[in-house]
Amino acid sequence: MPTIKLAVIASATLAELWPEEAVRPDLLEANTWIPPEEIRLFRGFFPERPLLLHGGNLLGSPLTVAQGSELRALVEHTGTPWLSAHTSLWPWQVLQEVRQRGRQPTALDLGEHLEQFFTRVRSLREATGVPVLLENVPGLPGLERDPESDPETIAAVLEATGCSFLLDLSYAQTAANNWGYDPRAYLEQLPLSRVVELHLSAPRRLEDGRLVDAHEPLRETDYLLLDWLLQRTTPQVVTLEYSREPRALLEQVVRLKEEVRG
């Protein structure tokens, strides 16, 4: 079985803990919007290893020539093997118009916007010269069954773009709650064979019963869900997305080293 690498999101908390050997993962992941000096700092922690790049909502709007050049330089500087970004299919204007008509949006409401998303993915791939990983989304506020988090839509978009999958476990739990599924039942419907990277953090449950992505510390239920998932898919990288309390970060990294590396 291939070795799974453990990554941690780059943060001031991680930098503070860096002298402790136990907190050091195999890789670091940075967001594309952090200042250049922070990129240089974290690149220096592991100068012989790539720094993974996550673009968040990078695909929410067309890429300008200047943005493309900046991203290409960042990709070359970090040596990242891929660039990950959210699967942002729904222009906000489309959602607002559909809601005003008093119904749930469907794929039929996307129209030309879906092709525009495919174009943005192609442009990002061409501009940076590396593969693009598409990340699942948690569902939109106020929508119980947001088509963007529909497992069939996720699978179809990955197939149409030829992209591999960044599976965010907190997002998946949030989406499963919105769809009325058990998290395992929801995950089983996702294209697990395309998973290259996992993002890990815990969601928060609100008083009304909804789950929201909150980058909370992992709980025992999250570790059990991770164990279950790793029996069904073998990502290249598992990334912890937590950056707040130092002791909680250290405890999670130590636990994940055991979980991921066996």
C-alpha atoms as a PDB file:
ATOM      1  CA  MET A   1       0.000   0.000   0.000  1.00  0.00           C
ATOM      2  CA  PRO A   2       1.379   3.471  -0.899  1.00  0.00           C
ATOM      3  CA  THR A   3       2.570   5.620   2.002  1.00  0.00           C
ATOM      4  CA  ILE A   4       0.173   8.436   2.884  1.00  0.00           C
ATOM      5  CA  LYS A   5       1.845  11.736   3.767  1.00  0.00           C
ATOM      6  CA  LEU A   6       0.568  13.949   6.572  1.00  0.00           C
ATOM      7  CA  ALA A   7       0.359  17.699   5.891  1.00  0.00           C
ATOM      8  CA  VAL A   8      -0.662  20.588   8.154  1.00  0.00           C
ATOM      9  CA  ILE A   9      -1.971  23.970   7.097  1.00  0.00           C
ATOM     10  CA  ALA A  10       0.708  26.668   7.499  1.00  0.00           C
ATOM     11  CA  SER A  11      -0.072  29.054  10.359  1.00  0.00           C
ATOM     12  CA  ALA A  12       1.464  31.212  13.062  1.00  0.00           C
ATOM     13  CA  THR A  13       0.490  28.541  15.599  1.00  0.00           C
ATOM     14  CA  LEU A  14       2.419  25.892  13.702  1.00  0.00           C
ATOM     15  CA  ALA A  15       5.443  28.201  13.406  1.00  0.00           C
ATOM     16  CA  GLU A  16       5.343  28.746  17.176  1.00  0.00           C
ATOM     17  CA  LEU A  17       5.376  24.986  17.800  1.00  0.00           C
ATOM     18  CA  TRP A  18       7.962  24.156  15.135  1.00  0.00           C
ATOM     19  CA  PRO A  19      10.867  23.612  17.591  1.00  0.00           C
ATOM     20  CA  GLU A  20       8.904  20.593  18.919  1.00  0.00           C
ATOM     21  CA  GLU A  21       9.792  17.624  16.718  1.00  0.00           C
ATOM     22  CA  ALA A  22       6.449  15.937  17.397  1.00  0.00           C
ATOM     23  CA  VAL A  23       4.479  18.666  15.593  1.00  0.00           C
ATOM     24  CA  ARG A  24       6.406  18.437  12.326  1.00  0.00           C
ATOM     25  CA  PRO A  25       4.416  16.721   9.542  1.00  0.00           C
ATOM     26  CA  ASP A  26       5.659  15.404   6.195  1.00  0.00           C
ATOM     27  CA  LEU A  27       4.412  18.442   4.257  1.00  0.00           C
ATOM     28  CA  LEU A  28       2.929  21.899   4.721  1.00  0.00           C
ATOM     29  CA  GLU A  29       0.009  23.436   2.841  1.00  0.00           C
ATOM     30  CA  ALA A  30      -0.414  27.179   2.340  1.00  0.00           C
ATOM     31  CA  ASN A  31      -3.266  29.274   0.993  1.00  0.00           C
ATOM     32  CA  THR A  32      -2.461  31.175  -2.187  1.00  0.00           C
ATOM     33  CA  TRP A  33      -3.546  34.504  -0.685  1.00  0.00           C
ATOM     34  CA  ILE A  34      -1.127  34.637   2.279  1.00  0.00           C
ATOM     35  CA  PRO A  35       1.662  37.265   2.077  1.00  0.00           C
ATOM     36  CA  PRO A  36       4.863  36.378   0.159  1.00  0.00           C
ATOM     37  CA  GLU A  37       6.965  36.654   3.309  1.00  0.00           C
ATOM     38  CA  GLU A  38       4.875  33.920   4.940  1.00  0.00           C
ATOM     39  CA  ILE A  39       5.285  31.716   1.863  1.00  0.00           C
ATOM     40  CA  ARG A  40       9.069  32.187   2.156  1.00  0.00           C
ATOM     41  CA  LEU A  41       8.964  31.413   5.881  1.00  0.00           C
ATOM     42  CA  PHE A  42       7.110  28.135   5.506  1.00  0.00           C
ATOM     43  CA  ARG A  43       9.029  27.149   2.375  1.00  0.00           C
ATOM     44  CA  GLY A  44      12.162  27.479   4.498  1.00  0.00           C
ATOM     45  CA  PHE A  45      10.866  24.963   7.055  1.00  0.00           C
ATOM     46  CA  PHE A  46      11.126  22.168   4.475  1.00  0.00           C
ATOM     47  CA  PRO A  47      13.316  23.619   1.679  1.00  0.00           C
ATOM     48  CA  GLU A  48      13.798  20.199   0.093  1.00  0.00           C
ATOM     49  CA  ARG A  49      10.060  19.416  -0.023  1.00  0.00           C
ATOM     50  CA  PRO A  50       7.172  20.985  -1.966  1.00  0.00           C
ATOM     51  CA  LEU A  51       4.800  23.396  -0.274  1.00  0.00           C
ATOM     52  CA  LEU A  52       1.239  22.440  -1.220  1.00  0.00           C
ATOM     53  CA  LEU A  53      -1.011  25.261  -2.440  1.00  0.00           C
ATOM     54  CA  HIS A  54      -4.735  25.655  -1.800  1.00  0.00           C
ATOM     55  CA  GLY A  55      -6.612  28.350  -3.713  1.00  0.00           C
ATOM     56  CA  GLY A  56      -9.949  28.337  -1.857  1.00  0.00           C
ATOM     57  CA  ASN A  57     -12.490  30.200  -4.034  1.00  0.00           C
ATOM     58  CA  LEU A  58      -9.982  30.694  -6.829  1.00  0.00           C
ATOM     59  CA  LEU A  59     -12.446  29.310  -9.392  1.00  0.00           C
ATOM     60  CA  GLY A  60     -15.283  31.630  -8.423  1.00  0.00           C
ATOM     61  CA  SER A  61     -14.398  34.196 -11.123  1.00  0.00           C
ATOM     62  CA  PRO A  62     -12.358  34.313 -14.352  1.00  0.00           C
ATOM     63  CA  LEU A  63      -8.585  34.358 -13.982  1.00  0.00           C
ATOM     64  CA  THR A  64      -6.896  37.558 -15.168  1.00  0.00           C
ATOM     65  CA  VAL A  65      -3.565  37.517 -17.007  1.00  0.00           C
ATOM     66  CA  ALA A  66      -1.869  39.128 -13.998  1.00  0.00           C
ATOM     67  CA  GLN A  67      -3.351  36.586 -11.603  1.00  0.00           C
ATOM     68  CA  GLY A  68      -2.245  33.762 -13.870  1.00  0.00           C
ATOM     69  CA  SER A  69       1.322  35.045 -13.932  1.00  0.00           C
ATOM     70  CA  GLU A  70       1.411  35.471 -10.167  1.00  0.00           C
ATOM     71  CA  LEU A  71       0.074  31.965  -9.607  1.00  0.00           C
ATOM     72  CA  ARG A  72       2.552  30.451 -12.048  1.00  0.00           C
ATOM     73  CA  ALA A  73       5.424  32.128 -10.182  1.00  0.00           C
ATOM     74  CA  LEU A  74       4.015  30.896  -6.869  1.00  0.00           C
ATOM     75  CA  VAL A  75       3.701  27.346  -8.195  1.00  0.00           C
ATOM     76  CA  GLU A  76       7.308  27.399  -9.392  1.00  0.00           C
ATOM     77  CA  HIS A  77       8.570  28.862  -6.106  1.00  0.00           C
ATOM     78  CA  THR A  78       6.761  26.309  -3.920  1.00  0.00           C
ATOM     79  CA  GLY A  79       7.218  23.250  -6.127  1.00  0.00           C
ATOM     80  CA  THR A  80       3.630  22.210  -5.411  1.00  0.00           C
ATOM     81  CA  PRO A  81       2.531  19.083  -7.328  1.00  0.00           C
ATOM     82  CA  TRP A  82      -1.001  20.466  -7.700  1.00  0.00           C
ATOM     83  CA  LEU A  83      -3.227  23.462  -6.984  1.00  0.00           C
ATOM     84  CA  SER A  84      -6.514  22.830  -5.174  1.00  0.00           C
ATOM     85  CA  ALA A  85      -9.664  24.967  -5.233  1.00  0.00           C
ATOM     86  CA  HIS A  86     -13.349  24.811  -4.309  1.00  0.00           C
ATOM     87  CA  THR A  87     -15.887  23.550  -6.812  1.00  0.00           C
ATOM     88  CA  SER A  88     -17.605  26.947  -7.161  1.00  0.00           C
ATOM     89  CA  LEU A  89     -20.400  26.308  -9.670  1.00  0.00           C
ATOM     90  CA  TRP A  90     -23.081  28.729  -8.581  1.00  0.00           C
ATOM     91  CA  PRO A  91     -22.803  32.439  -9.386  1.00  0.00           C
ATOM     92  CA  TRP A  92     -24.469  34.305  -6.516  1.00  0.00           C
ATOM     93  CA  GLN A  93     -26.795  36.137  -8.904  1.00  0.00           C
ATOM     94  CA  VAL A  94     -28.209  32.822 -10.165  1.00  0.00           C
ATOM     95  CA  LEU A  95     -28.934  31.676  -6.619  1.00  0.00           C
ATOM     96  CA  GLN A  96     -30.639  34.922  -5.711  1.00  0.00           C
ATOM     97  CA  GLU A  97     -32.872  34.830  -8.780  1.00  0.00           C
ATOM     98  CA  VAL A  98     -33.915  31.235  -8.094  1.00  0.00           C
ATOM     99  CA  ARG A  99     -34.629  31.951  -4.432  1.00  0.00           C
ATOM    100  CA  GLN A 100     -36.792  34.911  -5.392  1.00  0.00           C
ATOM    101  CA  ARG A 101     -38.903  32.472  -7.400  1.00  0.00           C
ATOM    102  CA  GLY A 102     -39.353  30.424  -4.221  1.00  0.00           C
ATOM    103  CA  ARG A 103     -37.714  27.161  -5.220  1.00  0.00           C
ATOM    104  CA  GLN A 104     -34.496  25.213  -4.895  1.00  0.00           C
ATOM    105  CA  PRO A 105     -31.873  25.717  -7.629  1.00  0.00           C
ATOM    106  CA  THR A 106     -31.079  22.781  -9.898  1.00  0.00           C
ATOM    107  CA  ALA A 107     -28.420  22.069 -12.507  1.00  0.00           C
ATOM    108  CA  LEU A 108     -30.859  23.425 -15.115  1.00  0.00           C
ATOM    109  CA  ASP A 109     -30.402  26.896 -13.611  1.00  0.00           C
ATOM    110  CA  LEU A 110     -26.693  26.868 -14.376  1.00  0.00           C
ATOM    111  CA  GLY A 111     -27.013  27.057 -18.129  1.00  0.00           C
ATOM    112  CA  GLU A 112     -23.933  28.663 -19.664  1.00  0.00           C
ATOM    113  CA  HIS A 113     -22.460  29.199 -16.187  1.00  0.00           C
ATOM    114  CA  LEU A 114     -21.461  25.524 -16.026  1.00  0.00           C
ATOM    115  CA  GLU A 115     -19.422  25.797 -19.209  1.00  0.00           C
ATOM    116  CA  GLN A 116     -17.872  28.977 -17.827  1.00  0.00           C
ATOM    117  CA  PHE A 117     -16.760  27.018 -14.763  1.00  0.00           C
ATOM    118  CA  PHE A 118     -15.151  24.381 -17.001  1.00  0.00           C
ATOM    119  CA  THR A 119     -13.382  27.198 -18.849  1.00  0.00           C
ATOM    120  CA  ARG A 120     -12.067  28.612 -15.572  1.00  0.00           C
ATOM    121  CA  VAL A 121     -10.682  25.195 -14.616  1.00  0.00           C
ATOM    122  CA  ARG A 122      -8.923  24.862 -17.988  1.00  0.00           C
ATOM    123  CA  SER A 123      -7.523  28.389 -17.710  1.00  0.00           C
ATOM    124  CA  LEU A 124      -6.173  27.745 -14.219  1.00  0.00           C
ATOM    125  CA  ARG A 125      -4.528  24.502 -15.306  1.00  0.00           C
ATOM    126  CA  GLU A 126      -2.961  26.128 -18.371  1.00  0.00           C
ATOM    127  CA  ALA A 127      -1.777  29.207 -16.459  1.00  0.00           C
ATOM    128  CA  THR A 128      -0.090  27.258 -13.647  1.00  0.00           C
ATOM    129  CA  GLY A 129       1.137  24.168 -15.476  1.00  0.00           C
ATOM    130  CA  VAL A 130       0.064  21.799 -12.670  1.00  0.00           C
ATOM    131  CA  PRO A 131      -3.005  19.581 -12.128  1.00  0.00           C
ATOM    132  CA  VAL A 132      -6.042  21.128 -10.439  1.00  0.00           C
ATOM    133  CA  LEU A 133      -7.760  19.330  -7.559  1.00  0.00           C
ATOM    134  CA  LEU A 134     -11.434  20.186  -7.084  1.00  0.00           C
ATOM    135  CA  GLU A 135     -12.721  20.290  -3.514  1.00  0.00           C
ATOM    136  CA  ASN A 136     -16.262  19.387  -2.481  1.00  0.00           C
ATOM    137  CA  VAL A 137     -18.312  22.135  -0.844  1.00  0.00           C
ATOM    138  CA  PRO A 138     -20.409  22.097   2.364  1.00  0.00           C
ATOM    139  CA  GLY A 139     -23.641  23.340   0.815  1.00  0.00           C
ATOM    140  CA  LEU A 140     -24.995  26.866   0.767  1.00  0.00           C
ATOM    141  CA  PRO A 141     -26.728  28.578   3.720  1.00  0.00           C
ATOM    142  CA  GLY A 142     -30.501  28.222   3.580  1.00  0.00           C
ATOM    143  CA  LEU A 143     -30.475  25.365   1.067  1.00  0.00           C
ATOM    144  CA  GLU A 144     -31.259  21.936   2.484  1.00  0.00           C
ATOM    145  CA  ARG A 145     -30.214  20.148  -0.708  1.00  0.00           C
ATOM    146  CA  ASP A 146     -27.807  22.359  -2.561  1.00  0.00           C
ATOM    147  CA  PRO A 147     -27.048  20.741  -5.949  1.00  0.00           C
ATOM    148  CA  GLU A 148     -23.438  21.897  -5.683  1.00  0.00           C
ATOM    149  CA  SER A 149     -22.936  19.378  -2.844  1.00  0.00           C
ATOM    150  CA  ASP A 150     -24.923  16.625  -4.586  1.00  0.00           C
ATOM    151  CA  PRO A 151     -22.648  13.548  -4.947  1.00  0.00           C
ATOM    152  CA  GLU A 152     -23.848  13.028  -8.534  1.00  0.00           C
ATOM    153  CA  THR A 153     -22.942  16.598  -9.446  1.00  0.00           C
ATOM    154  CA  ILE A 154     -19.515  16.272  -7.807  1.00  0.00           C
ATOM    155  CA  ALA A 155     -18.782  13.063  -9.720  1.00  0.00           C
ATOM    156  CA  ALA A 156     -20.013  14.524 -13.022  1.00  0.00           C
ATOM    157  CA  VAL A 157     -17.928  17.704 -12.671  1.00  0.00           C
ATOM    158  CA  LEU A 158     -14.775  15.739 -11.850  1.00  0.00           C
ATOM    159  CA  GLU A 159     -15.372  13.498 -14.861  1.00  0.00           C
ATOM    160  CA  ALA A 160     -16.061  16.430 -17.188  1.00  0.00           C
ATOM    161  CA  THR A 161     -12.974  18.385 -16.122  1.00  0.00           C
ATOM    162  CA  GLY A 162     -10.635  15.400 -15.741  1.00  0.00           C
ATOM    163  CA  CYS A 163      -9.639  16.703 -12.308  1.00  0.00           C
ATOM    164  CA  SER A 164      -8.783  14.651  -9.257  1.00  0.00           C
ATOM    165  CA  PHE A 165     -10.629  15.068  -5.971  1.00  0.00           C
ATOM    166  CA  LEU A 166      -9.772  16.958  -2.784  1.00  0.00           C
ATOM    167  CA  LEU A 167     -12.225  15.531  -0.251  1.00  0.00           C
ATOM    168  CA  ASP A 168     -12.889  17.820   2.716  1.00  0.00           C
ATOM    169  CA  LEU A 169     -14.279  15.661   5.527  1.00  0.00           C
ATOM    170  CA  SER A 170     -15.810  18.574   7.450  1.00  0.00           C
ATOM    171  CA  TYR A 171     -17.527  19.834   4.306  1.00  0.00           C
ATOM    172  CA  ALA A 172     -18.802  16.319   3.600  1.00  0.00           C
ATOM    173  CA  GLN A 173     -20.289  16.005   7.090  1.00  0.00           C
ATOM    174  CA  THR A 174     -21.988  19.390   6.707  1.00  0.00           C
ATOM    175  CA  ALA A 175     -23.397  18.468   3.303  1.00  0.00           C
ATOM    176  CA  ALA A 176     -24.560  15.062   4.571  1.00  0.00           C
ATOM    177  CA  ASN A 177     -26.473  16.792   7.375  1.00  0.00           C
ATOM    178  CA  ASN A 178     -28.112  19.158   4.860  1.00  0.00           C
ATOM    179  CA  TRP A 179     -29.148  16.220   2.668  1.00  0.00           C
ATOM    180  CA  GLY A 180     -30.402  14.161   5.613  1.00  0.00           C
ATOM    181  CA  TYR A 181     -27.771  11.436   5.170  1.00  0.00           C
ATOM    182  CA  ASP A 182     -25.569   9.628   7.634  1.00  0.00           C
ATOM    183  CA  PRO A 183     -22.005  10.843   6.887  1.00  0.00           C
ATOM    184  CA  ARG A 184     -20.908   7.369   5.787  1.00  0.00           C
ATOM    185  CA  ALA A 185     -23.889   7.018   3.447  1.00  0.00           C
ATOM    186  CA  TYR A 186     -23.020  10.389   1.894  1.00  0.00           C
ATOM    187  CA  LEU A 187     -19.325   9.567   1.545  1.00  0.00           C
ATOM    188  CA  GLU A 188     -20.106   6.228  -0.120  1.00  0.00           C
ATOM    189  CA  GLN A 189     -21.816   8.133  -2.942  1.00  0.00           C
ATOM    190  CA  LEU A 190     -18.758  10.293  -3.658  1.00  0.00           C
ATOM    191  CA  PRO A 191     -16.123   9.343  -6.300  1.00  0.00           C
ATOM    192  CA  LEU A 192     -13.637   8.030  -3.732  1.00  0.00           C
ATOM    193  CA  SER A 193     -11.441   6.495  -6.432  1.00  0.00           C
ATOM    194  CA  ARG A 194     -10.477  10.027  -7.534  1.00  0.00           C
ATOM    195  CA  VAL A 195      -9.350  11.238  -4.081  1.00  0.00           C
ATOM    196  CA  VAL A 196      -5.773  12.555  -4.024  1.00  0.00           C
ATOM    197  CA  GLU A 197      -5.940  14.672  -0.858  1.00  0.00           C
ATOM    198  CA  LEU A 198      -8.078  14.794   2.283  1.00  0.00           C
ATOM    199  CA  HIS A 199      -8.748  17.943   4.328  1.00  0.00           C
ATOM    200  CA  LEU A 200      -9.469  17.318   8.003  1.00  0.00           C
ATOM    201  CA  SER A 201     -11.154  19.458  10.649  1.00  0.00           C
ATOM    202  CA  ALA A 202     -14.368  19.210  12.663  1.00  0.00           C
ATOM    203  CA  PRO A 203     -17.609  21.070  11.936  1.00  0.00           C
ATOM    204  CA  ARG A 204     -19.696  22.790  14.619  1.00  0.00           C
ATOM    205  CA  ARG A 205     -23.346  21.974  15.343  1.00  0.00           C
ATOM    206  CA  LEU A 206     -25.632  24.978  15.816  1.00  0.00           C
ATOM    207  CA  GLU A 207     -28.597  25.163  18.191  1.00  0.00           C
ATOM    208  CA  ASP A 208     -31.022  24.569  15.308  1.00  0.00           C
ATOM    209  CA  GLY A 209     -29.293  21.278  14.466  1.00  0.00           C
ATOM    210  CA  ARG A 210     -27.430  22.488  11.380  1.00  0.00           C
ATOM    211  CA  LEU A 211     -23.743  21.784  10.942  1.00  0.00           C
ATOM    212  CA  VAL A 212     -21.344  24.508   9.808  1.00  0.00           C
ATOM    213  CA  ASP A 213     -17.713  24.206   8.779  1.00  0.00           C
ATOM    214  CA  ALA A 214     -15.727  25.765  11.627  1.00  0.00           C
ATOM    215  CA  HIS A 215     -12.228  24.203  11.544  1.00  0.00           C
ATOM    216  CA  GLU A 216     -12.732  22.871  15.085  1.00  0.00           C
ATOM    217  CA  PRO A 217     -10.335  20.328  16.649  1.00  0.00           C
ATOM    218  CA  LEU A 218     -10.943  16.737  15.577  1.00  0.00           C
ATOM    219  CA  ARG A 219     -13.153  14.686  17.897  1.00  0.00           C
ATOM    220  CA  GLU A 220     -13.204  10.929  18.414  1.00  0.00           C
ATOM    221  CA  THR A 221     -16.082  10.617  15.936  1.00  0.00           C
ATOM    222  CA  ASP A 222     -13.939  12.382  13.313  1.00  0.00           C
ATOM    223  CA  TYR A 223     -11.038   9.976  13.842  1.00  0.00           C
ATOM    224  CA  LEU A 224     -13.423   7.011  13.530  1.00  0.00           C
ATOM    225  CA  LEU A 225     -14.818   8.470  10.306  1.00  0.00           C
ATOM    226  CA  LEU A 226     -11.280   8.967   9.001  1.00  0.00           C
ATOM    227  CA  ASP A 227     -10.392   5.339   9.796  1.00  0.00           C
ATOM    228  CA  TRP A 228     -13.525   4.193   7.983  1.00  0.00           C
ATOM    229  CA  LEU A 229     -12.687   6.363   4.977  1.00  0.00           C
ATOM    230  CA  LEU A 230      -9.063   5.224   4.740  1.00  0.00           C
ATOM    231  CA  GLN A 231     -10.333   1.674   4.327  1.00  0.00           C
ATOM    232  CA  ARG A 232     -12.104   2.814   1.153  1.00  0.00           C
ATOM    233  CA  THR A 233      -9.703   5.282  -0.433  1.00  0.00           C
ATOM    234  CA  THR A 234      -5.954   5.897  -0.397  1.00  0.00           C
ATOM    235  CA  PRO A 235      -5.109   9.588  -0.732  1.00  0.00           C
ATOM    236  CA  GLN A 236      -1.568  10.723  -1.346  1.00  0.00           C
ATOM    237  CA  VAL A 237      -1.872  13.375   1.367  1.00  0.00           C
ATOM    238  CA  VAL A 238      -4.020  13.897   4.472  1.00  0.00           C
ATOM    239  CA  THR A 239      -4.025  17.569   5.537  1.00  0.00           C
ATOM    240  CA  LEU A 240      -5.029  18.880   8.965  1.00  0.00           C
ATOM    241  CA  GLU A 241      -6.797  22.247   8.646  1.00  0.00           C
ATOM    242  CA  TYR A 242      -6.470  23.500  12.209  1.00  0.00           C
ATOM    243  CA  SER A 243      -4.492  26.555  13.309  1.00  0.00           C
ATOM    244  CA  ARG A 244      -5.788  27.926  16.605  1.00  0.00           C
ATOM    245  CA  GLU A 245      -4.793  26.560  20.049  1.00  0.00           C
ATOM    246  CA  PRO A 246      -1.191  25.251  20.175  1.00  0.00           C
ATOM    247  CA  ARG A 247      -1.763  22.271  22.473  1.00  0.00           C
ATOM    248  CA  ALA A 248      -4.779  21.105  20.470  1.00  0.00           C
ATOM    249  CA  LEU A 249      -2.749  21.360  17.250  1.00  0.00           C
ATOM    250  CA  LEU A 250       0.106  19.322  18.709  1.00  0.00           C
ATOM    251  CA  GLU A 251      -2.236  16.629  20.043  1.00  0.00           C
ATOM    252  CA  GLN A 252      -3.973  16.277  16.673  1.00  0.00           C
ATOM    253  CA  VAL A 253      -0.715  16.013  14.725  1.00  0.00           C
ATOM    254  CA  VAL A 254       0.610  13.319  17.083  1.00  0.00           C
ATOM    255  CA  ARG A 255      -2.661  11.360  16.808  1.00  0.00           C
ATOM    256  CA  LEU A 256      -2.807  11.703  13.020  1.00  0.00           C
ATOM    257  CA  LYS A 257       0.738  10.430  12.612  1.00  0.00           C
ATOM    258  CA  GLU A 258      -0.471   7.220  14.232  1.00  0.00           C
ATOM    259  CA  GLU A 259      -3.713   7.098  12.241  1.00  0.00           C
ATOM    260  CA  VAL A 260      -2.232   7.862   8.832  1.00  0.00           C
ATOM    261  CA  ARG A 261       1.072   6.038   9.052  1.00  0.00           C
ATOM    262  CA  GLY A 262      -0.276   3.071  10.965  1.00  0.00           C
END
